[in-house]
Amino acid sequence: MDGEQDVTEQFEQAVNMTAGELEDWLGREESRAAGQSADGGESVGHRSGRRIVGILRTKRAERTDDDLEHMRAVVGYVHRHLAQRPDGDVTGTRWRHSLMNWGHDPLKD
């Protein structure tokens, strides 16, 4: 398993939105409409985004093992989802919106 330093570096590369940018995004309707939800409530990605905001606002030394596990999950999701990029302009796509819920805006690359 990756060490804490590796996970932190990978997370910081995968998450290219600031806590403020992500928090603003999560308040928008497009954010709530993206992703999958088992019960019609909050999507997995939206819930993850709220967790990412918390991680970004936590000092590295204060991050828990649970935070590191979530950071690993974020890195994996972002990498898998980027590999599925659709053709054409992705500006208003659910693909981009889903990634943004996980803290990565592909238009910032």
PDB file of N, CA and C in Angstrom:
ATOM      1  N   MET A   1       0.844  -1.177   0.000  1.00  0.00           N
ATOM      2  CA  MET A   1       0.000   0.000   0.000  1.00  0.00           C
ATOM      3  C   MET A   1       0.894   1.246   0.000  1.00  0.00           C
ATOM      4  N   ASP A   2       0.450   2.269  -0.676  1.00  0.00           N
ATOM      5  CA  ASP A   2       1.220   3.508  -0.741  1.00  0.00           C
ATOM      6  C   ASP A   2       1.382   4.113   0.642  1.00  0.00           C
ATOM      7  N   GLY A   3       2.550   4.732   0.856  1.00  0.00           N
ATOM      8  CA  GLY A   3       2.791   5.421   2.105  1.00  0.00           C
ATOM      9  C   GLY A   3       2.049   6.736   2.155  1.00  0.00           C
ATOM     10  N   GLU A   4       2.028   7.317   3.357  1.00  0.00           N
ATOM     11  CA  GLU A   4       1.297   8.572   3.568  1.00  0.00           C
ATOM     12  C   GLU A   4       1.782   9.679   2.639  1.00  0.00           C
ATOM     13  N   GLN A   5       3.103   9.791   2.462  1.00  0.00           N
ATOM     14  CA  GLN A   5       3.656  10.836   1.590  1.00  0.00           C
ATOM     15  C   GLN A   5       3.208  10.635   0.147  1.00  0.00           C
ATOM     16  N   ASP A   6       3.270   9.383  -0.334  1.00  0.00           N
ATOM     17  CA  ASP A   6       2.846   9.083  -1.705  1.00  0.00           C
ATOM     18  C   ASP A   6       1.370   9.398  -1.919  1.00  0.00           C
ATOM     19  N   VAL A   7       0.545   8.985  -0.971  1.00  0.00           N
ATOM     20  CA  VAL A   7      -0.894   9.230  -1.082  1.00  0.00           C
ATOM     21  C   VAL A   7      -1.170  10.728  -1.104  1.00  0.00           C
ATOM     22  N   THR A   8      -0.489  11.465  -0.241  1.00  0.00           N
ATOM     23  CA  THR A   8      -0.688  12.908  -0.175  1.00  0.00           C
ATOM     24  C   THR A   8      -0.297  13.569  -1.494  1.00  0.00           C
ATOM     25  N   GLU A   9       0.817  13.173  -2.052  1.00  0.00           N
ATOM     26  CA  GLU A   9       1.260  13.746  -3.333  1.00  0.00           C
ATOM     27  C   GLU A   9       0.287  13.407  -4.447  1.00  0.00           C
ATOM     28  N   GLN A  10      -0.154  12.163  -4.503  1.00  0.00           N
ATOM     29  CA  GLN A  10      -1.097  11.749  -5.542  1.00  0.00           C
ATOM     30  C   GLN A  10      -2.430  12.494  -5.390  1.00  0.00           C
ATOM     31  N   PHE A  11      -2.875  12.643  -4.158  1.00  0.00           N
ATOM     32  CA  PHE A  11      -4.120  13.365  -3.880  1.00  0.00           C
ATOM     33  C   PHE A  11      -4.002  14.817  -4.329  1.00  0.00           C
ATOM     34  N   GLU A  12      -2.888  15.442  -4.014  1.00  0.00           N
ATOM     35  CA  GLU A  12      -2.695  16.844  -4.387  1.00  0.00           C
ATOM     36  C   GLU A  12      -2.600  17.031  -5.900  1.00  0.00           C
ATOM     37  N   GLN A  13      -2.158  16.021  -6.623  1.00  0.00           N
ATOM     38  CA  GLN A  13      -2.145  16.094  -8.080  1.00  0.00           C
ATOM     39  C   GLN A  13      -3.539  15.857  -8.644  1.00  0.00           C
ATOM     40  N   ALA A  14      -4.280  14.929  -8.044  1.00  0.00           N
ATOM     41  CA  ALA A  14      -5.615  14.583  -8.551  1.00  0.00           C
ATOM     42  C   ALA A  14      -6.633  15.675  -8.243  1.00  0.00           C
ATOM     43  N   VAL A  15      -6.563  16.256  -7.065  1.00  0.00           N
ATOM     44  CA  VAL A  15      -7.517  17.273  -6.644  1.00  0.00           C
ATOM     45  C   VAL A  15      -6.946  18.637  -7.014  1.00  0.00           C
ATOM     46  N   ASN A  16      -7.459  19.205  -8.088  1.00  0.00           N
ATOM     47  CA  ASN A  16      -6.928  20.485  -8.565  1.00  0.00           C
ATOM     48  C   ASN A  16      -7.854  21.668  -8.259  1.00  0.00           C
ATOM     49  N   MET A  17      -8.870  21.427  -7.440  1.00  0.00           N
ATOM     50  CA  MET A  17      -9.757  22.499  -7.003  1.00  0.00           C
ATOM     51  C   MET A  17      -9.426  22.838  -5.552  1.00  0.00           C
ATOM     52  N   THR A  18      -9.549  24.108  -5.195  1.00  0.00           N
ATOM     53  CA  THR A  18      -9.346  24.502  -3.808  1.00  0.00           C
ATOM     54  C   THR A  18     -10.580  24.125  -2.997  1.00  0.00           C
ATOM     55  N   ALA A  19     -10.439  24.158  -1.691  1.00  0.00           N
ATOM     56  CA  ALA A  19     -11.583  23.866  -0.829  1.00  0.00           C
ATOM     57  C   ALA A  19     -12.736  24.831  -1.126  1.00  0.00           C
ATOM     58  N   GLY A  20     -12.426  26.104  -1.315  1.00  0.00           N
ATOM     59  CA  GLY A  20     -13.466  27.088  -1.618  1.00  0.00           C
ATOM     60  C   GLY A  20     -14.136  26.841  -2.954  1.00  0.00           C
ATOM     61  N   GLU A  21     -13.336  26.534  -3.980  1.00  0.00           N
ATOM     62  CA  GLU A  21     -13.904  26.241  -5.304  1.00  0.00           C
ATOM     63  C   GLU A  21     -14.819  25.023  -5.232  1.00  0.00           C
ATOM     64  N   LEU A  22     -14.366  23.988  -4.545  1.00  0.00           N
ATOM     65  CA  LEU A  22     -15.143  22.760  -4.452  1.00  0.00           C
ATOM     66  C   LEU A  22     -16.423  22.993  -3.646  1.00  0.00           C
ATOM     67  N   GLU A  23     -16.318  23.719  -2.566  1.00  0.00           N
ATOM     68  CA  GLU A  23     -17.492  24.007  -1.754  1.00  0.00           C
ATOM     69  C   GLU A  23     -18.533  24.803  -2.560  1.00  0.00           C
ATOM     70  N   ASP A  24     -18.076  25.805  -3.310  1.00  0.00           N
ATOM     71  CA  ASP A  24     -18.986  26.569  -4.176  1.00  0.00           C
ATOM     72  C   ASP A  24     -19.643  25.659  -5.201  1.00  0.00           C
ATOM     73  N   TRP A  25     -18.851  24.801  -5.835  1.00  0.00           N
ATOM     74  CA  TRP A  25     -19.358  23.874  -6.843  1.00  0.00           C
ATOM     75  C   TRP A  25     -20.418  22.948  -6.240  1.00  0.00           C
ATOM     76  N   LEU A  26     -20.157  22.417  -5.050  1.00  0.00           N
ATOM     77  CA  LEU A  26     -21.080  21.473  -4.426  1.00  0.00           C
ATOM     78  C   LEU A  26     -22.437  22.101  -4.108  1.00  0.00           C
ATOM     79  N   GLY A  27     -22.490  23.425  -4.053  1.00  0.00           N
ATOM     80  CA  GLY A  27     -23.747  24.115  -3.811  1.00  0.00           C
ATOM     81  C   GLY A  27     -24.596  24.323  -5.054  1.00  0.00           C
ATOM     82  N   ARG A  28     -24.060  23.972  -6.201  1.00  0.00           N
ATOM     83  CA  ARG A  28     -24.779  24.195  -7.456  1.00  0.00           C
ATOM     84  C   ARG A  28     -25.635  22.985  -7.832  1.00  0.00           C
ATOM     85  N   GLU A  29     -26.710  23.246  -8.554  1.00  0.00           N
ATOM     86  CA  GLU A  29     -27.621  22.177  -8.984  1.00  0.00           C
ATOM     87  C   GLU A  29     -26.910  21.145  -9.861  1.00  0.00           C
ATOM     88  N   GLU A  30     -26.014  21.605 -10.740  1.00  0.00           N
ATOM     89  CA  GLU A  30     -25.291  20.672 -11.620  1.00  0.00           C
ATOM     90  C   GLU A  30     -24.501  19.661 -10.810  1.00  0.00           C
ATOM     91  N   SER A  31     -23.978  20.083  -9.674  1.00  0.00           N
ATOM     92  CA  SER A  31     -23.231  19.180  -8.810  1.00  0.00           C
ATOM     93  C   SER A  31     -24.145  18.118  -8.213  1.00  0.00           C
ATOM     94  N   ARG A  32     -25.295  18.544  -7.732  1.00  0.00           N
ATOM     95  CA  ARG A  32     -26.230  17.599  -7.112  1.00  0.00           C
ATOM     96  C   ARG A  32     -26.819  16.623  -8.131  1.00  0.00           C
ATOM     97  N   ALA A  33     -26.882  17.027  -9.401  1.00  0.00           N
ATOM     98  CA  ALA A  33     -27.470  16.181 -10.437  1.00  0.00           C
ATOM     99  C   ALA A  33     -26.486  15.144 -10.982  1.00  0.00           C
ATOM    100  N   ALA A  34     -25.204  15.334 -10.725  1.00  0.00           N
ATOM    101  CA  ALA A  34     -24.191  14.419 -11.261  1.00  0.00           C
ATOM    102  C   ALA A  34     -23.970  13.247 -10.310  1.00  0.00           C
ATOM    103  N   GLY A  35     -23.653  12.108 -10.885  1.00  0.00           N
ATOM    104  CA  GLY A  35     -23.281  10.958 -10.075  1.00  0.00           C
ATOM    105  C   GLY A  35     -24.437  10.038  -9.775  1.00  0.00           C
ATOM    106  N   GLN A  36     -24.103   8.955  -9.084  1.00  0.00           N
ATOM    107  CA  GLN A  36     -25.082   7.919  -8.796  1.00  0.00           C
ATOM    108  C   GLN A  36     -25.483   7.934  -7.336  1.00  0.00           C
ATOM    109  N   SER A  37     -26.778   7.704  -7.129  1.00  0.00           N
ATOM    110  CA  SER A  37     -27.322   7.640  -5.785  1.00  0.00           C
ATOM    111  C   SER A  37     -28.231   6.426  -5.691  1.00  0.00           C
ATOM    112  N   ALA A  38     -28.011   5.618  -4.681  1.00  0.00           N
ATOM    113  CA  ALA A  38     -28.801   4.402  -4.536  1.00  0.00           C
ATOM    114  C   ALA A  38     -30.246   4.692  -4.142  1.00  0.00           C
ATOM    115  N   ASP A  39     -30.474   5.733  -3.361  1.00  0.00           N
ATOM    116  CA  ASP A  39     -31.810   5.979  -2.834  1.00  0.00           C
ATOM    117  C   ASP A  39     -32.424   7.298  -3.288  1.00  0.00           C
ATOM    118  N   GLY A  40     -31.825   7.929  -4.290  1.00  0.00           N
ATOM    119  CA  GLY A  40     -32.342   9.198  -4.767  1.00  0.00           C
ATOM    120  C   GLY A  40     -31.874  10.378  -3.951  1.00  0.00           C
ATOM    121  N   GLY A  41     -31.083  10.129  -2.911  1.00  0.00           N
ATOM    122  CA  GLY A  41     -30.553  11.202  -2.078  1.00  0.00           C
ATOM    123  C   GLY A  41     -29.227  11.705  -2.620  1.00  0.00           C
ATOM    124  N   GLU A  42     -28.337  12.059  -1.730  1.00  0.00           N
ATOM    125  CA  GLU A  42     -27.034  12.595  -2.119  1.00  0.00           C
ATOM    126  C   GLU A  42     -26.200  11.524  -2.819  1.00  0.00           C
ATOM    127  N   SER A  43     -25.576  11.909  -3.930  1.00  0.00           N
ATOM    128  CA  SER A  43     -24.760  10.954  -4.682  1.00  0.00           C
ATOM    129  C   SER A  43     -23.461  10.663  -3.935  1.00  0.00           C
ATOM    130  N   VAL A  44     -22.847   9.567  -4.283  1.00  0.00           N
ATOM    131  CA  VAL A  44     -21.564   9.170  -3.704  1.00  0.00           C
ATOM    132  C   VAL A  44     -20.521  10.260  -3.949  1.00  0.00           C
ATOM    133  N   GLY A  45     -20.494  10.796  -5.158  1.00  0.00           N
ATOM    134  CA  GLY A  45     -19.518  11.826  -5.501  1.00  0.00           C
ATOM    135  C   GLY A  45     -19.730  13.119  -4.733  1.00  0.00           C
ATOM    136  N   HIS A  46     -20.985  13.499  -4.551  1.00  0.00           N
ATOM    137  CA  HIS A  46     -21.280  14.726  -3.810  1.00  0.00           C
ATOM    138  C   HIS A  46     -20.848  14.571  -2.354  1.00  0.00           C
ATOM    139  N   ARG A  47     -21.137  13.426  -1.773  1.00  0.00           N
ATOM    140  CA  ARG A  47     -20.730  13.143  -0.392  1.00  0.00           C
ATOM    141  C   ARG A  47     -19.204  13.137  -0.297  1.00  0.00           C
ATOM    142  N   SER A  48     -18.550  12.548  -1.297  1.00  0.00           N
ATOM    143  CA  SER A  48     -17.094  12.535  -1.338  1.00  0.00           C
ATOM    144  C   SER A  48     -16.542  13.957  -1.417  1.00  0.00           C
ATOM    145  N   GLY A  49     -17.178  14.797  -2.211  1.00  0.00           N
ATOM    146  CA  GLY A  49     -16.731  16.179  -2.344  1.00  0.00           C
ATOM    147  C   GLY A  49     -16.752  16.914  -1.013  1.00  0.00           C
ATOM    148  N   ARG A  50     -17.809  16.686  -0.228  1.00  0.00           N
ATOM    149  CA  ARG A  50     -17.876  17.329   1.087  1.00  0.00           C
ATOM    150  C   ARG A  50     -16.743  16.835   1.981  1.00  0.00           C
ATOM    151  N   ARG A  51     -16.441  15.557   1.865  1.00  0.00           N
ATOM    152  CA  ARG A  51     -15.331  14.979   2.649  1.00  0.00           C
ATOM    153  C   ARG A  51     -13.994  15.566   2.185  1.00  0.00           C
ATOM    154  N   ILE A  52     -13.825  15.746   0.896  1.00  0.00           N
ATOM    155  CA  ILE A  52     -12.590  16.318   0.343  1.00  0.00           C
ATOM    156  C   ILE A  52     -12.391  17.738   0.849  1.00  0.00           C
ATOM    157  N   VAL A  53     -13.458  18.524   0.901  1.00  0.00           N
ATOM    158  CA  VAL A  53     -13.355  19.879   1.437  1.00  0.00           C
ATOM    159  C   VAL A  53     -12.779  19.828   2.852  1.00  0.00           C
ATOM    160  N   GLY A  54     -13.275  18.909   3.649  1.00  0.00           N
ATOM    161  CA  GLY A  54     -12.775  18.762   5.013  1.00  0.00           C
ATOM    162  C   GLY A  54     -11.309  18.372   5.048  1.00  0.00           C
ATOM    163  N   ILE A  55     -10.916  17.460   4.180  1.00  0.00           N
ATOM    164  CA  ILE A  55      -9.516  17.027   4.120  1.00  0.00           C
ATOM    165  C   ILE A  55      -8.626  18.190   3.705  1.00  0.00           C
ATOM    166  N   LEU A  56      -9.056  18.941   2.701  1.00  0.00           N
ATOM    167  CA  LEU A  56      -8.255  20.076   2.237  1.00  0.00           C
ATOM    168  C   LEU A  56      -8.077  21.128   3.332  1.00  0.00           C
ATOM    169  N   ARG A  57      -9.029  21.212   4.220  1.00  0.00           N
ATOM    170  CA  ARG A  57      -8.966  22.215   5.293  1.00  0.00           C
ATOM    171  C   ARG A  57      -8.304  21.676   6.566  1.00  0.00           C
ATOM    172  N   THR A  58      -7.856  20.427   6.521  1.00  0.00           N
ATOM    173  CA  THR A  58      -7.186  19.804   7.664  1.00  0.00           C
ATOM    174  C   THR A  58      -5.681  19.820   7.437  1.00  0.00           C
ATOM    175  N   LYS A  59      -4.948  20.217   8.447  1.00  0.00           N
ATOM    176  CA  LYS A  59      -3.486  20.195   8.347  1.00  0.00           C
ATOM    177  C   LYS A  59      -3.021  18.765   8.111  1.00  0.00           C
ATOM    178  N   ARG A  60      -1.971  18.613   7.305  1.00  0.00           N
ATOM    179  CA  ARG A  60      -1.470  17.274   6.988  1.00  0.00           C
ATOM    180  C   ARG A  60      -1.230  16.427   8.233  1.00  0.00           C
ATOM    181  N   ALA A  61      -0.605  17.017   9.231  1.00  0.00           N
ATOM    182  CA  ALA A  61      -0.260  16.279  10.448  1.00  0.00           C
ATOM    183  C   ALA A  61      -1.495  15.814  11.220  1.00  0.00           C
ATOM    184  N   GLU A  62      -2.640  16.415  10.947  1.00  0.00           N
ATOM    185  CA  GLU A  62      -3.867  16.082  11.670  1.00  0.00           C
ATOM    186  C   GLU A  62      -4.784  15.151  10.891  1.00  0.00           C
ATOM    187  N   ARG A  63      -4.373  14.733   9.704  1.00  0.00           N
ATOM    188  CA  ARG A  63      -5.201  13.826   8.907  1.00  0.00           C
ATOM    189  C   ARG A  63      -5.170  12.427   9.523  1.00  0.00           C
ATOM    190  N   THR A  64      -6.329  11.800   9.502  1.00  0.00           N
ATOM    191  CA  THR A  64      -6.479  10.474  10.096  1.00  0.00           C
ATOM    192  C   THR A  64      -6.236   9.376   9.059  1.00  0.00           C
ATOM    193  N   ASP A  65      -6.165   8.145   9.536  1.00  0.00           N
ATOM    194  CA  ASP A  65      -6.062   7.005   8.625  1.00  0.00           C
ATOM    195  C   ASP A  65      -7.289   6.938   7.709  1.00  0.00           C
ATOM    196  N   ASP A  66      -8.455   7.289   8.240  1.00  0.00           N
ATOM    197  CA  ASP A  66      -9.670   7.316   7.407  1.00  0.00           C
ATOM    198  C   ASP A  66      -9.548   8.368   6.308  1.00  0.00           C
ATOM    199  N   ASP A  67      -8.956   9.516   6.647  1.00  0.00           N
ATOM    200  CA  ASP A  67      -8.728  10.545   5.630  1.00  0.00           C
ATOM    201  C   ASP A  67      -7.820  10.000   4.534  1.00  0.00           C
ATOM    202  N   LEU A  68      -6.751   9.325   4.924  1.00  0.00           N
ATOM    203  CA  LEU A  68      -5.814   8.772   3.932  1.00  0.00           C
ATOM    204  C   LEU A  68      -6.500   7.732   3.048  1.00  0.00           C
ATOM    205  N   GLU A  69      -7.359   6.913   3.631  1.00  0.00           N
ATOM    206  CA  GLU A  69      -8.100   5.933   2.831  1.00  0.00           C
ATOM    207  C   GLU A  69      -9.003   6.635   1.829  1.00  0.00           C
ATOM    208  N   HIS A  70      -9.662   7.703   2.256  1.00  0.00           N
ATOM    209  CA  HIS A  70     -10.525   8.436   1.328  1.00  0.00           C
ATOM    210  C   HIS A  70      -9.680   9.108   0.246  1.00  0.00           C
ATOM    211  N   MET A  71      -8.537   9.616   0.615  1.00  0.00           N
ATOM    212  CA  MET A  71      -7.635  10.229  -0.366  1.00  0.00           C
ATOM    213  C   MET A  71      -7.228   9.205  -1.421  1.00  0.00           C
ATOM    214  N   ARG A  72      -6.948   7.966  -1.006  1.00  0.00           N
ATOM    215  CA  ARG A  72      -6.623   6.890  -1.960  1.00  0.00           C
ATOM    216  C   ARG A  72      -7.796   6.650  -2.909  1.00  0.00           C
ATOM    217  N   ALA A  73      -9.005   6.622  -2.342  1.00  0.00           N
ATOM    218  CA  ALA A  73     -10.200   6.390  -3.161  1.00  0.00           C
ATOM    219  C   ALA A  73     -10.385   7.521  -4.173  1.00  0.00           C
ATOM    220  N   VAL A  74     -10.131   8.747  -3.758  1.00  0.00           N
ATOM    221  CA  VAL A  74     -10.259   9.903  -4.652  1.00  0.00           C
ATOM    222  C   VAL A  74      -9.274   9.774  -5.804  1.00  0.00           C
ATOM    223  N   VAL A  75      -8.031   9.444  -5.506  1.00  0.00           N
ATOM    224  CA  VAL A  75      -7.004   9.291  -6.547  1.00  0.00           C
ATOM    225  C   VAL A  75      -7.437   8.219  -7.542  1.00  0.00           C
ATOM    226  N   GLY A  76      -7.902   7.084  -7.044  1.00  0.00           N
ATOM    227  CA  GLY A  76      -8.342   6.003  -7.924  1.00  0.00           C
ATOM    228  C   GLY A  76      -9.506   6.416  -8.798  1.00  0.00           C
ATOM    229  N   TYR A  77     -10.503   7.083  -8.216  1.00  0.00           N
ATOM    230  CA  TYR A  77     -11.661   7.512  -8.982  1.00  0.00           C
ATOM    231  C   TYR A  77     -11.263   8.501 -10.070  1.00  0.00           C
ATOM    232  N   VAL A  78     -10.485   9.503  -9.708  1.00  0.00           N
ATOM    233  CA  VAL A  78     -10.092  10.525 -10.685  1.00  0.00           C
ATOM    234  C   VAL A  78      -9.331   9.884 -11.839  1.00  0.00           C
ATOM    235  N   HIS A  79      -8.395   9.003 -11.544  1.00  0.00           N
ATOM    236  CA  HIS A  79      -7.621   8.367 -12.618  1.00  0.00           C
ATOM    237  C   HIS A  79      -8.502   7.507 -13.518  1.00  0.00           C
ATOM    238  N   ARG A  80      -9.413   6.725 -12.916  1.00  0.00           N
ATOM    239  CA  ARG A  80     -10.313   5.882 -13.728  1.00  0.00           C
ATOM    240  C   ARG A  80     -11.229   6.736 -14.589  1.00  0.00           C
ATOM    241  N   HIS A  81     -11.776   7.782 -13.997  1.00  0.00           N
ATOM    242  CA  HIS A  81     -12.746   8.616 -14.708  1.00  0.00           C
ATOM    243  C   HIS A  81     -12.077   9.411 -15.833  1.00  0.00           C
ATOM    244  N   LEU A  82     -10.861   9.891 -15.596  1.00  0.00           N
ATOM    245  CA  LEU A  82     -10.142  10.624 -16.655  1.00  0.00           C
ATOM    246  C   LEU A  82      -9.897   9.736 -17.874  1.00  0.00           C
ATOM    247  N   ALA A  83      -9.695   8.450 -17.649  1.00  0.00           N
ATOM    248  CA  ALA A  83      -9.457   7.514 -18.746  1.00  0.00           C
ATOM    249  C   ALA A  83     -10.701   7.323 -19.612  1.00  0.00           C
ATOM    250  N   GLN A  84     -11.867   7.751 -19.133  1.00  0.00           N
ATOM    251  CA  GLN A  84     -13.129   7.588 -19.861  1.00  0.00           C
ATOM    252  C   GLN A  84     -13.596   8.895 -20.495  1.00  0.00           C
ATOM    253  N   ARG A  85     -12.675   9.828 -20.693  1.00  0.00           N
ATOM    254  CA  ARG A  85     -13.030  11.150 -21.230  1.00  0.00           C
ATOM    255  C   ARG A  85     -13.776  11.011 -22.562  1.00  0.00           C
ATOM    256  N   PRO A  86     -14.929  11.643 -22.660  1.00  0.00           N
ATOM    257  CA  PRO A  86     -15.668  11.609 -23.928  1.00  0.00           C
ATOM    258  C   PRO A  86     -15.018  12.543 -24.953  1.00  0.00           C
ATOM    259  N   ASP A  87     -15.354  12.328 -26.209  1.00  0.00           N
ATOM    260  CA  ASP A  87     -14.857  13.197 -27.275  1.00  0.00           C
ATOM    261  C   ASP A  87     -15.576  14.542 -27.223  1.00  0.00           C
ATOM    262  N   GLY A  88     -14.915  15.535 -27.758  1.00  0.00           N
ATOM    263  CA  GLY A  88     -15.547  16.844 -27.900  1.00  0.00           C
ATOM    264  C   GLY A  88     -15.413  17.717 -26.666  1.00  0.00           C
ATOM    265  N   ASP A  89     -16.191  18.772 -26.681  1.00  0.00           N
ATOM    266  CA  ASP A  89     -16.196  19.744 -25.589  1.00  0.00           C
ATOM    267  C   ASP A  89     -16.879  19.120 -24.372  1.00  0.00           C
ATOM    268  N   VAL A  90     -16.192  19.090 -23.244  1.00  0.00           N
ATOM    269  CA  VAL A  90     -16.735  18.455 -22.046  1.00  0.00           C
ATOM    270  C   VAL A  90     -17.279  19.469 -21.032  1.00  0.00           C
ATOM    271  N   THR A  91     -17.345  20.737 -21.428  1.00  0.00           N
ATOM    272  CA  THR A  91     -17.672  21.804 -20.481  1.00  0.00           C
ATOM    273  C   THR A  91     -18.932  21.524 -19.660  1.00  0.00           C
ATOM    274  N   GLY A  92     -20.038  21.218 -20.280  1.00  0.00           N
ATOM    275  CA  GLY A  92     -21.289  21.035 -19.551  1.00  0.00           C
ATOM    276  C   GLY A  92     -21.701  19.590 -19.370  1.00  0.00           C
ATOM    277  N   THR A  93     -20.771  18.677 -19.454  1.00  0.00           N
ATOM    278  CA  THR A  93     -21.114  17.249 -19.410  1.00  0.00           C
ATOM    279  C   THR A  93     -21.209  16.716 -17.980  1.00  0.00           C
ATOM    280  N   ARG A  94     -22.019  15.680 -17.830  1.00  0.00           N
ATOM    281  CA  ARG A  94     -22.100  14.994 -16.535  1.00  0.00           C
ATOM    282  C   ARG A  94     -20.745  14.380 -16.183  1.00  0.00           C
ATOM    283  N   TRP A  95     -19.968  13.995 -17.198  1.00  0.00           N
ATOM    284  CA  TRP A  95     -18.629  13.432 -16.960  1.00  0.00           C
ATOM    285  C   TRP A  95     -17.769  14.444 -16.193  1.00  0.00           C
ATOM    286  N   ARG A  96     -17.740  15.691 -16.680  1.00  0.00           N
ATOM    287  CA  ARG A  96     -16.964  16.730 -16.002  1.00  0.00           C
ATOM    288  C   ARG A  96     -17.552  17.031 -14.624  1.00  0.00           C
ATOM    289  N   HIS A  97     -18.858  17.139 -14.548  1.00  0.00           N
ATOM    290  CA  HIS A  97     -19.500  17.466 -13.283  1.00  0.00           C
ATOM    291  C   HIS A  97     -19.221  16.401 -12.227  1.00  0.00           C
ATOM    292  N   SER A  98     -19.227  15.148 -12.651  1.00  0.00           N
ATOM    293  CA  SER A  98     -18.913  14.071 -11.713  1.00  0.00           C
ATOM    294  C   SER A  98     -17.479  14.194 -11.199  1.00  0.00           C
ATOM    295  N   LEU A  99     -16.548  14.449 -12.098  1.00  0.00           N
ATOM    296  CA  LEU A  99     -15.154  14.646 -11.687  1.00  0.00           C
ATOM    297  C   LEU A  99     -15.019  15.827 -10.736  1.00  0.00           C
ATOM    298  N   MET A 100     -15.730  16.885 -11.022  1.00  0.00           N
ATOM    299  CA  MET A 100     -15.650  18.066 -10.169  1.00  0.00           C
ATOM    300  C   MET A 100     -16.170  17.766  -8.765  1.00  0.00           C
ATOM    301  N   ASN A 101     -17.169  16.894  -8.653  1.00  0.00           N
ATOM    302  CA  ASN A 101     -17.645  16.491  -7.327  1.00  0.00           C
ATOM    303  C   ASN A 101     -16.527  15.829  -6.528  1.00  0.00           C
ATOM    304  N   TRP A 102     -15.579  15.213  -7.235  1.00  0.00           N
ATOM    305  CA  TRP A 102     -14.439  14.543  -6.593  1.00  0.00           C
ATOM    306  C   TRP A 102     -13.220  15.456  -6.529  1.00  0.00           C
ATOM    307  N   GLY A 103     -13.413  16.748  -6.815  1.00  0.00           N
ATOM    308  CA  GLY A 103     -12.349  17.725  -6.629  1.00  0.00           C
ATOM    309  C   GLY A 103     -11.444  17.948  -7.799  1.00  0.00           C
ATOM    310  N   HIS A 104     -11.787  17.389  -8.971  1.00  0.00           N
ATOM    311  CA  HIS A 104     -10.926  17.555 -10.149  1.00  0.00           C
ATOM    312  C   HIS A 104     -11.714  18.203 -11.281  1.00  0.00           C
ATOM    313  N   ASP A 105     -11.271  19.368 -11.720  1.00  0.00           N
ATOM    314  CA  ASP A 105     -11.870  20.016 -12.886  1.00  0.00           C
ATOM    315  C   ASP A 105     -10.954  19.770 -14.078  1.00  0.00           C
ATOM    316  N   PRO A 106     -11.396  18.936 -15.027  1.00  0.00           N
ATOM    317  CA  PRO A 106     -10.528  18.595 -16.162  1.00  0.00           C
ATOM    318  C   PRO A 106     -10.227  19.796 -17.066  1.00  0.00           C
ATOM    319  N   LEU A 107     -10.980  20.864 -16.950  1.00  0.00           N
ATOM    320  CA  LEU A 107     -10.687  22.051 -17.757  1.00  0.00           C
ATOM    321  C   LEU A 107      -9.564  22.869 -17.155  1.00  0.00           C
ATOM    322  N   LYS A 108      -9.117  22.544 -15.960  1.00  0.00           N
ATOM    323  CA  LYS A 108      -8.004  23.239 -15.332  1.00  0.00           C
ATOM    324  C   LYS A 108      -6.657  22.612 -15.695  1.00  0.00           C
ATOM    325  N   ASP A 109      -6.675  21.453 -16.333  1.00  0.00           N
ATOM    326  CA  ASP A 109      -5.424  20.732 -16.681  1.00  0.00           C
ATOM    327  C   ASP A 109      -4.550  21.516 -17.625  1.00  0.00           C
TER     328      ASP A 109
END
